[in-house]
N, C-alpha and C. Protein backbone atom coordinates (compact mmCIF):
# COMPACT_ATOMS: atom_id res chain seq x y z
N MET A 1 58.47 131.09 25.14
CA MET A 1 59.05 131.68 24.26
C MET A 1 60.17 131.06 24.77
N ALA A 2 61.54 131.33 22.78
CA ALA A 2 62.45 130.45 23.28
C ALA A 2 63.55 131.73 23.62
N ASP A 3 64.59 130.86 24.19
CA ASP A 3 65.60 132.08 25.09
C ASP A 3 65.10 132.75 26.11
N GLY A 4 64.29 133.04 27.00
CA GLY A 4 63.73 133.67 27.82
C GLY A 4 62.82 134.21 26.97
N ALA A 5 62.84 135.24 25.69
CA ALA A 5 62.08 136.09 25.35
C ALA A 5 60.30 135.97 25.71
N ARG A 6 60.39 137.04 25.97
CA ARG A 6 58.70 137.03 26.25
C ARG A 6 57.45 138.22 25.61
N SER A 7 56.35 137.77 25.50
CA SER A 7 55.38 138.99 25.35
C SER A 7 55.55 140.11 25.26
N ILE A 8 55.81 140.98 24.44
CA ILE A 8 55.67 142.60 25.11
C ILE A 8 54.54 144.01 24.36
N GLU A 9 54.69 144.60 25.51
CA GLU A 9 53.38 145.32 25.01
C GLU A 9 54.09 146.74 24.08
N VAL A 10 53.59 146.75 22.75
CA VAL A 10 54.13 147.91 21.70
C VAL A 10 53.29 148.82 21.16
N LEU A 11 53.13 150.32 21.53
CA LEU A 11 51.91 151.13 21.07
C LEU A 11 52.91 151.44 20.08
N LEU A 12 51.77 151.64 18.51
CA LEU A 12 52.68 152.48 17.54
C LEU A 12 52.03 153.49 17.05
N VAL A 13 53.14 154.36 17.03
CA VAL A 13 52.05 155.61 16.99
C VAL A 13 52.29 156.06 15.25
N GLU A 14 51.05 155.89 14.68
CA GLU A 14 51.74 156.56 13.54
C GLU A 14 50.57 156.69 12.64
N ASP A 15 50.31 157.56 11.62
CA ASP A 15 49.15 158.24 10.79
C ASP A 15 48.53 157.16 9.62
N ASP A 16 50.15 156.63 8.85
CA ASP A 16 49.62 156.25 7.54
C ASP A 16 49.06 155.04 7.62
N PRO A 17 48.19 154.63 7.16
CA PRO A 17 47.58 153.29 7.36
C PRO A 17 48.37 151.68 6.73
N GLY A 18 48.79 152.65 5.34
CA GLY A 18 49.97 151.69 4.84
C GLY A 18 51.08 151.17 5.91
N ASP A 19 51.65 152.41 6.10
CA ASP A 19 52.87 151.87 7.54
C ASP A 19 52.09 151.32 8.16
N VAL A 20 51.51 151.81 9.62
CA VAL A 20 50.70 150.26 10.38
C VAL A 20 50.16 148.67 9.46
N LEU A 21 49.98 148.97 8.24
CA LEU A 21 49.70 147.69 8.03
C LEU A 21 51.17 146.63 7.79
N LEU A 22 51.63 147.96 7.08
CA LEU A 22 53.11 147.01 7.34
C LEU A 22 54.48 146.83 8.39
N THR A 23 53.87 147.02 9.66
CA THR A 23 54.75 147.41 10.98
C THR A 23 53.48 145.68 11.43
N LYS A 24 52.28 146.06 11.02
CA LYS A 24 51.57 144.42 11.45
C LYS A 24 51.36 143.50 11.13
N GLU A 25 51.97 143.12 10.06
CA GLU A 25 52.39 142.16 9.28
C GLU A 25 54.12 141.68 9.38
N ALA A 26 54.48 143.22 9.66
CA ALA A 26 55.66 142.15 9.59
C ALA A 26 55.88 141.70 11.89
N PHE A 27 55.19 142.00 12.77
CA PHE A 27 54.69 141.67 13.78
C PHE A 27 54.17 140.44 13.82
N ASP A 28 53.45 140.47 12.93
CA ASP A 28 52.73 138.75 12.84
C ASP A 28 53.37 137.64 12.35
N ASP A 29 54.50 138.30 11.52
CA ASP A 29 55.10 137.75 10.90
C ASP A 29 56.35 136.64 11.60
N ASN A 30 56.70 137.57 12.12
CA ASN A 30 57.97 137.13 13.45
C ASN A 30 57.77 136.19 14.57
N LYS A 31 58.53 135.90 14.58
CA LYS A 31 58.48 134.86 15.99
C LYS A 31 57.92 135.29 16.84
N VAL A 32 58.49 136.01 17.78
CA VAL A 32 57.53 135.85 18.88
C VAL A 32 56.04 137.23 18.87
N SER A 33 55.42 136.52 19.59
CA SER A 33 54.23 136.80 19.44
C SER A 33 53.48 137.76 20.27
N ASN A 34 54.23 139.60 19.09
CA ASN A 34 54.38 140.38 21.10
C ASN A 34 52.74 141.32 20.60
N ASN A 35 52.03 142.01 21.94
CA ASN A 35 50.98 143.01 21.43
C ASN A 35 51.03 144.40 20.88
N LEU A 36 50.85 144.44 19.74
CA LEU A 36 50.43 145.86 19.35
C LEU A 36 49.71 146.21 19.28
N HIS A 37 49.82 147.80 19.79
CA HIS A 37 48.72 148.45 20.25
C HIS A 37 48.72 149.76 18.99
N VAL A 38 47.69 150.50 18.52
CA VAL A 38 48.52 151.62 17.47
C VAL A 38 46.97 152.35 17.87
N VAL A 39 47.75 153.60 17.90
CA VAL A 39 46.86 155.25 17.47
C VAL A 39 47.41 156.09 16.75
N SER A 40 46.67 156.78 15.90
CA SER A 40 47.25 157.66 15.24
C SER A 40 47.43 158.64 14.76
N ASP A 41 47.36 159.13 15.71
CA ASP A 41 48.38 160.40 16.11
C ASP A 41 48.52 160.93 18.22
N GLY A 42 49.18 162.35 17.41
CA GLY A 42 50.20 162.22 19.12
C GLY A 42 48.78 163.01 20.29
N GLU A 43 47.92 163.13 19.88
CA GLU A 43 46.63 163.49 21.07
C GLU A 43 46.28 161.99 21.41
N GLU A 44 46.27 161.28 20.30
CA GLU A 44 45.53 160.11 20.78
C GLU A 44 46.64 159.30 21.48
N ALA A 45 47.97 159.55 21.68
CA ALA A 45 49.57 158.62 21.88
C ALA A 45 48.90 158.96 23.55
N THR A 46 48.78 161.32 23.54
CA THR A 46 49.05 160.99 24.87
C THR A 46 47.47 160.44 25.36
N ALA A 47 46.83 159.73 25.44
CA ALA A 47 45.12 159.50 25.52
C ALA A 47 46.14 158.45 26.19
N TYR A 48 46.46 157.58 25.51
CA TYR A 48 46.81 155.68 25.39
C TYR A 48 47.53 156.53 27.15
N LEU A 49 48.78 156.74 26.77
CA LEU A 49 49.80 156.54 27.78
C LEU A 49 49.73 157.30 29.10
N ARG A 50 48.39 157.90 29.56
CA ARG A 50 47.69 158.48 30.44
C ARG A 50 46.81 157.36 30.78
N ARG A 51 46.19 156.84 30.47
CA ARG A 51 44.81 155.86 30.14
C ARG A 51 43.85 156.52 30.57
N GLN A 52 43.48 157.30 29.59
CA GLN A 52 42.22 158.85 29.63
C GLN A 52 41.51 158.20 28.22
N GLY A 53 40.13 158.32 28.80
CA GLY A 53 38.98 158.06 27.48
C GLY A 53 38.85 156.18 27.31
N PRO A 54 38.26 156.24 26.02
CA PRO A 54 38.89 155.36 25.68
C PRO A 54 39.94 153.77 25.74
N HIS A 55 40.93 154.42 26.36
CA HIS A 55 41.98 154.09 26.53
C HIS A 55 42.29 153.28 28.03
N ALA A 56 40.92 153.87 28.92
CA ALA A 56 41.48 153.75 30.50
C ALA A 56 41.65 152.04 30.93
N GLY A 57 41.58 151.45 29.66
CA GLY A 57 42.02 149.63 30.45
C GLY A 57 43.84 149.59 29.80
N ALA A 58 43.96 150.32 29.17
CA ALA A 58 44.76 150.11 28.18
C ALA A 58 46.52 149.40 28.91
N PRO A 59 46.82 148.89 28.30
CA PRO A 59 48.26 148.52 28.85
C PRO A 59 49.34 149.78 28.84
N ARG A 60 50.29 149.44 30.34
CA ARG A 60 51.52 150.09 30.04
C ARG A 60 51.92 149.81 28.91
N PRO A 61 52.27 150.09 27.65
CA PRO A 61 53.93 149.48 26.55
C PRO A 61 55.43 149.36 27.10
N ASP A 62 55.41 148.44 26.61
CA ASP A 62 57.21 148.12 26.84
C ASP A 62 58.04 148.32 25.96
N LEU A 63 57.43 149.11 24.86
CA LEU A 63 58.24 150.06 23.75
C LEU A 63 56.62 150.91 22.78
N ILE A 64 58.03 151.96 22.39
CA ILE A 64 56.33 152.74 21.69
C ILE A 64 58.15 153.00 20.29
N LEU A 65 56.69 153.09 19.20
CA LEU A 65 57.53 152.91 18.36
C LEU A 65 56.70 154.40 17.18
N LEU A 66 57.77 155.77 17.58
CA LEU A 66 56.33 156.90 17.27
C LEU A 66 57.23 157.18 15.81
N ASP A 67 55.96 157.83 15.30
CA ASP A 67 56.69 158.62 13.89
C ASP A 67 56.60 160.50 14.49
N LEU A 68 57.62 160.11 14.09
CA LEU A 68 57.46 162.21 14.00
C LEU A 68 56.18 163.24 13.22
N ASN A 69 56.04 162.74 12.21
CA ASN A 69 54.65 163.69 11.56
C ASN A 69 53.50 163.06 11.96
N LEU A 70 53.20 163.41 12.59
CA LEU A 70 51.37 163.28 12.95
C LEU A 70 50.85 164.46 13.08
N PRO A 71 49.33 164.28 13.25
CA PRO A 71 48.54 165.12 12.89
C PRO A 71 48.28 165.43 14.96
N ARG A 72 47.80 166.33 14.92
CA ARG A 72 46.95 166.85 15.74
C ARG A 72 47.43 167.53 17.58
N LYS A 73 49.01 166.72 17.16
CA LYS A 73 50.42 166.60 17.89
C LYS A 73 52.10 165.81 17.66
N ASP A 74 51.94 166.43 17.04
CA ASP A 74 53.33 166.23 16.86
C ASP A 74 53.84 165.46 17.46
N GLY A 75 55.03 164.06 16.87
CA GLY A 75 55.68 163.55 17.50
C GLY A 75 56.48 164.04 18.40
N ARG A 76 57.52 165.21 18.02
CA ARG A 76 58.25 165.23 19.01
C ARG A 76 57.68 165.91 19.94
N GLU A 77 56.88 166.21 20.36
CA GLU A 77 55.65 167.06 21.39
C GLU A 77 55.71 165.76 22.16
N VAL A 78 55.24 164.19 21.47
CA VAL A 78 54.84 163.55 22.36
C VAL A 78 55.90 162.83 22.65
N LEU A 79 56.93 162.85 22.49
CA LEU A 79 58.63 162.40 23.24
C LEU A 79 59.16 163.20 24.61
N ARG A 80 58.80 164.36 23.69
CA ARG A 80 58.78 165.47 24.95
C ARG A 80 58.09 165.08 26.08
N ASP A 81 56.70 165.45 25.69
CA ASP A 81 56.01 164.53 27.20
C ASP A 81 56.48 163.37 27.57
N ILE A 82 56.39 162.14 27.00
CA ILE A 82 57.10 160.87 28.21
C ILE A 82 58.21 161.25 28.27
N LYS A 83 59.21 161.70 27.67
CA LYS A 83 60.34 161.54 28.68
C LYS A 83 60.69 162.40 30.09
N ALA A 84 59.44 163.67 29.93
CA ALA A 84 59.42 164.34 31.41
C ALA A 84 58.74 163.97 31.76
N ASP A 85 57.37 163.14 32.24
CA ASP A 85 56.35 162.05 32.59
C ASP A 85 57.56 161.09 33.45
N PRO A 86 57.53 161.29 34.62
CA PRO A 86 58.87 160.48 35.97
C PRO A 86 57.53 158.76 35.64
N ASP A 87 56.73 158.56 35.21
CA ASP A 87 56.40 157.93 35.09
C ASP A 87 56.11 156.66 33.33
N LEU A 88 56.45 157.18 32.55
CA LEU A 88 56.84 157.57 31.64
C LEU A 88 57.65 157.02 31.25
N ARG A 89 58.67 157.62 31.17
CA ARG A 89 59.95 158.14 30.77
C ARG A 89 61.33 157.08 30.94
N SER A 90 60.62 156.10 31.48
CA SER A 90 61.40 154.51 31.57
C SER A 90 61.30 153.40 30.79
N ILE A 91 60.04 153.95 29.73
CA ILE A 91 59.40 153.34 28.45
C ILE A 91 60.70 153.70 27.15
N PRO A 92 61.43 152.78 26.52
CA PRO A 92 62.20 152.98 25.44
C PRO A 92 61.15 153.56 24.28
N VAL A 93 62.28 154.53 23.50
CA VAL A 93 61.40 155.21 22.45
C VAL A 93 61.92 154.69 21.53
N VAL A 94 61.36 154.40 20.13
CA VAL A 94 61.98 154.27 19.31
C VAL A 94 61.64 154.70 17.85
N VAL A 95 62.51 156.06 17.76
CA VAL A 95 61.28 156.83 16.33
C VAL A 95 61.77 156.64 15.27
N LEU A 96 60.66 156.19 14.63
CA LEU A 96 60.46 155.72 13.46
C LEU A 96 59.69 156.35 12.55
N THR A 97 60.77 157.20 11.49
CA THR A 97 60.03 157.88 10.47
C THR A 97 60.65 158.51 9.62
N THR A 98 60.27 158.78 8.33
CA THR A 98 60.64 158.93 7.09
C THR A 98 61.95 159.87 6.91
N SER A 99 61.57 161.00 7.90
CA SER A 99 62.51 162.25 7.97
C SER A 99 63.94 161.53 8.30
N GLU A 100 65.05 161.81 7.20
CA GLU A 100 66.51 161.61 7.35
C GLU A 100 67.49 163.33 8.13
N ALA A 101 66.50 164.10 7.57
CA ALA A 101 66.93 165.41 8.38
C ALA A 101 67.54 165.68 9.73
N ASP A 102 69.22 165.97 9.41
CA ASP A 102 70.11 166.10 10.60
C ASP A 102 69.12 166.03 12.34
N GLU A 103 68.58 167.29 11.53
CA GLU A 103 68.27 168.08 13.25
C GLU A 103 67.26 167.57 13.63
N ASP A 104 66.24 166.83 12.82
CA ASP A 104 64.93 166.05 13.74
C ASP A 104 65.75 164.56 14.38
N ILE A 105 67.23 163.92 13.61
CA ILE A 105 68.32 162.85 14.60
C ILE A 105 68.39 163.72 15.69
N LEU A 106 68.76 164.33 15.17
CA LEU A 106 69.80 165.54 16.64
C LEU A 106 68.29 166.12 18.10
N ASN A 107 67.80 166.64 16.98
CA ASN A 107 66.60 166.98 18.07
C ASN A 107 65.95 165.67 18.83
N SER A 108 65.58 164.09 18.33
CA SER A 108 64.96 163.42 18.54
C SER A 108 65.76 162.54 19.92
N TYR A 109 67.32 162.92 20.16
CA TYR A 109 68.02 162.24 20.58
C TYR A 109 68.09 163.81 21.63
N ASP A 110 68.16 164.94 21.26
CA ASP A 110 68.18 165.69 22.80
C ASP A 110 66.86 165.55 23.94
N LEU A 111 65.99 164.49 23.20
CA LEU A 111 64.69 164.97 23.82
C LEU A 111 64.46 163.87 24.33
N HIS A 112 65.81 162.80 24.32
CA HIS A 112 66.42 161.01 24.90
C HIS A 112 65.32 160.26 24.36
N ALA A 113 65.67 160.08 22.79
CA ALA A 113 64.88 159.02 22.05
C ALA A 113 65.92 157.91 22.68
N ASN A 114 65.18 156.44 22.58
CA ASN A 114 66.37 155.54 22.51
C ASN A 114 66.97 154.83 21.28
N ALA A 115 66.47 155.38 20.59
CA ALA A 115 67.11 155.16 18.78
C ALA A 115 66.33 155.34 17.78
N TYR A 116 66.91 156.08 16.85
CA TYR A 116 66.07 156.58 15.36
C TYR A 116 66.17 155.94 14.49
N VAL A 117 65.66 155.53 13.67
CA VAL A 117 65.17 154.56 12.62
C VAL A 117 64.77 155.38 11.17
N THR A 118 65.20 155.24 10.21
CA THR A 118 64.40 155.99 9.65
C THR A 118 63.91 154.17 8.29
N LYS A 119 62.72 154.90 8.79
CA LYS A 119 61.63 153.93 7.66
C LYS A 119 62.27 153.65 6.29
N PRO A 120 62.50 152.66 5.66
CA PRO A 120 62.70 152.42 3.95
C PRO A 120 61.63 152.28 3.48
N VAL A 121 61.75 152.69 2.69
CA VAL A 121 60.47 153.04 1.55
C VAL A 121 60.00 151.62 0.46
N ASP A 122 61.47 151.17 0.46
CA ASP A 122 60.61 149.58 -0.35
C ASP A 122 60.36 148.35 0.92
N PHE A 123 59.43 148.01 0.95
CA PHE A 123 58.22 146.58 1.71
C PHE A 123 59.42 145.64 2.42
N ASP A 124 60.58 145.23 1.64
CA ASP A 124 60.73 144.24 2.13
C ASP A 124 61.68 145.00 3.14
N ASN A 125 62.17 146.10 3.30
CA ASN A 125 63.95 146.64 3.96
C ASN A 125 62.62 146.50 4.88
N PHE A 126 61.73 147.90 5.08
CA PHE A 126 60.36 147.95 5.94
C PHE A 126 60.33 146.90 6.80
N ILE A 127 59.75 145.10 6.36
CA ILE A 127 59.21 144.00 7.47
C ILE A 127 60.95 143.92 7.83
N ARG A 128 61.99 144.17 7.12
CA ARG A 128 62.82 143.64 7.94
C ARG A 128 63.29 144.59 8.95
N ILE A 129 63.46 145.87 8.71
CA ILE A 129 64.06 147.05 10.29
C ILE A 129 63.01 146.29 10.84
N VAL A 130 61.65 146.31 11.21
CA VAL A 130 60.75 146.41 12.09
C VAL A 130 60.53 144.99 12.36
N ARG A 131 60.85 144.08 11.70
CA ARG A 131 61.04 142.74 12.72
C ARG A 131 63.00 142.50 13.62
N GLN A 132 63.98 143.81 13.66
CA GLN A 132 64.70 143.78 14.04
C GLN A 132 64.23 144.42 15.55
N ILE A 133 63.97 145.64 14.78
CA ILE A 133 63.90 146.53 15.88
C ILE A 133 63.05 145.88 17.38
N ASP A 134 61.72 144.78 16.90
CA ASP A 134 61.23 144.22 17.88
C ASP A 134 62.20 143.23 18.60
N ASP A 135 62.63 142.57 17.05
CA ASP A 135 63.61 141.25 17.77
C ASP A 135 64.87 141.99 19.20
N PHE A 136 65.59 143.15 18.60
CA PHE A 136 66.24 143.98 19.16
C PHE A 136 65.59 144.39 21.01
N PHE A 137 64.06 144.46 21.05
CA PHE A 137 64.15 144.75 22.19
C PHE A 137 63.37 143.68 22.96
N VAL A 138 62.79 142.50 22.19
CA VAL A 138 62.88 141.39 22.62
C VAL A 138 63.86 140.00 22.94
N SER A 139 64.44 140.05 22.67
CA SER A 139 65.44 139.22 22.99
C SER A 139 66.59 139.96 23.34
N VAL A 140 67.01 140.68 23.47
CA VAL A 140 68.22 141.06 23.55
C VAL A 140 68.38 142.85 24.77
N VAL A 141 67.66 143.14 24.43
CA VAL A 141 67.28 144.20 25.85
C VAL A 141 66.55 144.05 27.10
N LYS A 142 66.82 144.30 28.22
CA LYS A 142 66.15 143.74 29.60
C LYS A 142 65.35 145.48 29.14
N LEU A 143 64.14 145.05 29.40
CA LEU A 143 63.18 145.80 29.69
C LEU A 143 62.27 146.00 30.71
N PRO A 144 62.45 147.85 31.35
CA PRO A 144 61.67 147.08 33.14
C PRO A 144 60.24 147.72 32.49
N HIS A 145 59.96 146.17 34.18
CA HIS A 145 58.64 145.66 34.34
C HIS A 145 58.04 146.78 35.03
């Protein structure tokens, strides 16, 4: 890895298959090979993070990309649970969502999201944004081990 960058474990919590595909493509084409794990709803995210059921052997994520509008358990609830759990709260959470509502932005930061990013609707911009998040958290930020 160049410049001391390391491969990290990323958990994508996203129910839109198109956005999952775009995110995977952005990670695949980026210069650092990170491990992207995907869950499609809030209940599964909770099971993954607590290593329950089929996720018993799941690696601890170094970074979570979290959509707000999820089935079964809303992303806001997932964020609240993560930041309330002493074992999980140090994991950076980037809210990556279509919502531009001030209420969602303020609420996410009140729940201690580390960043709030609105998903671009344009393919190229979506890829660019995901790559920037990836680059920032791999090359710039010091993550807890």
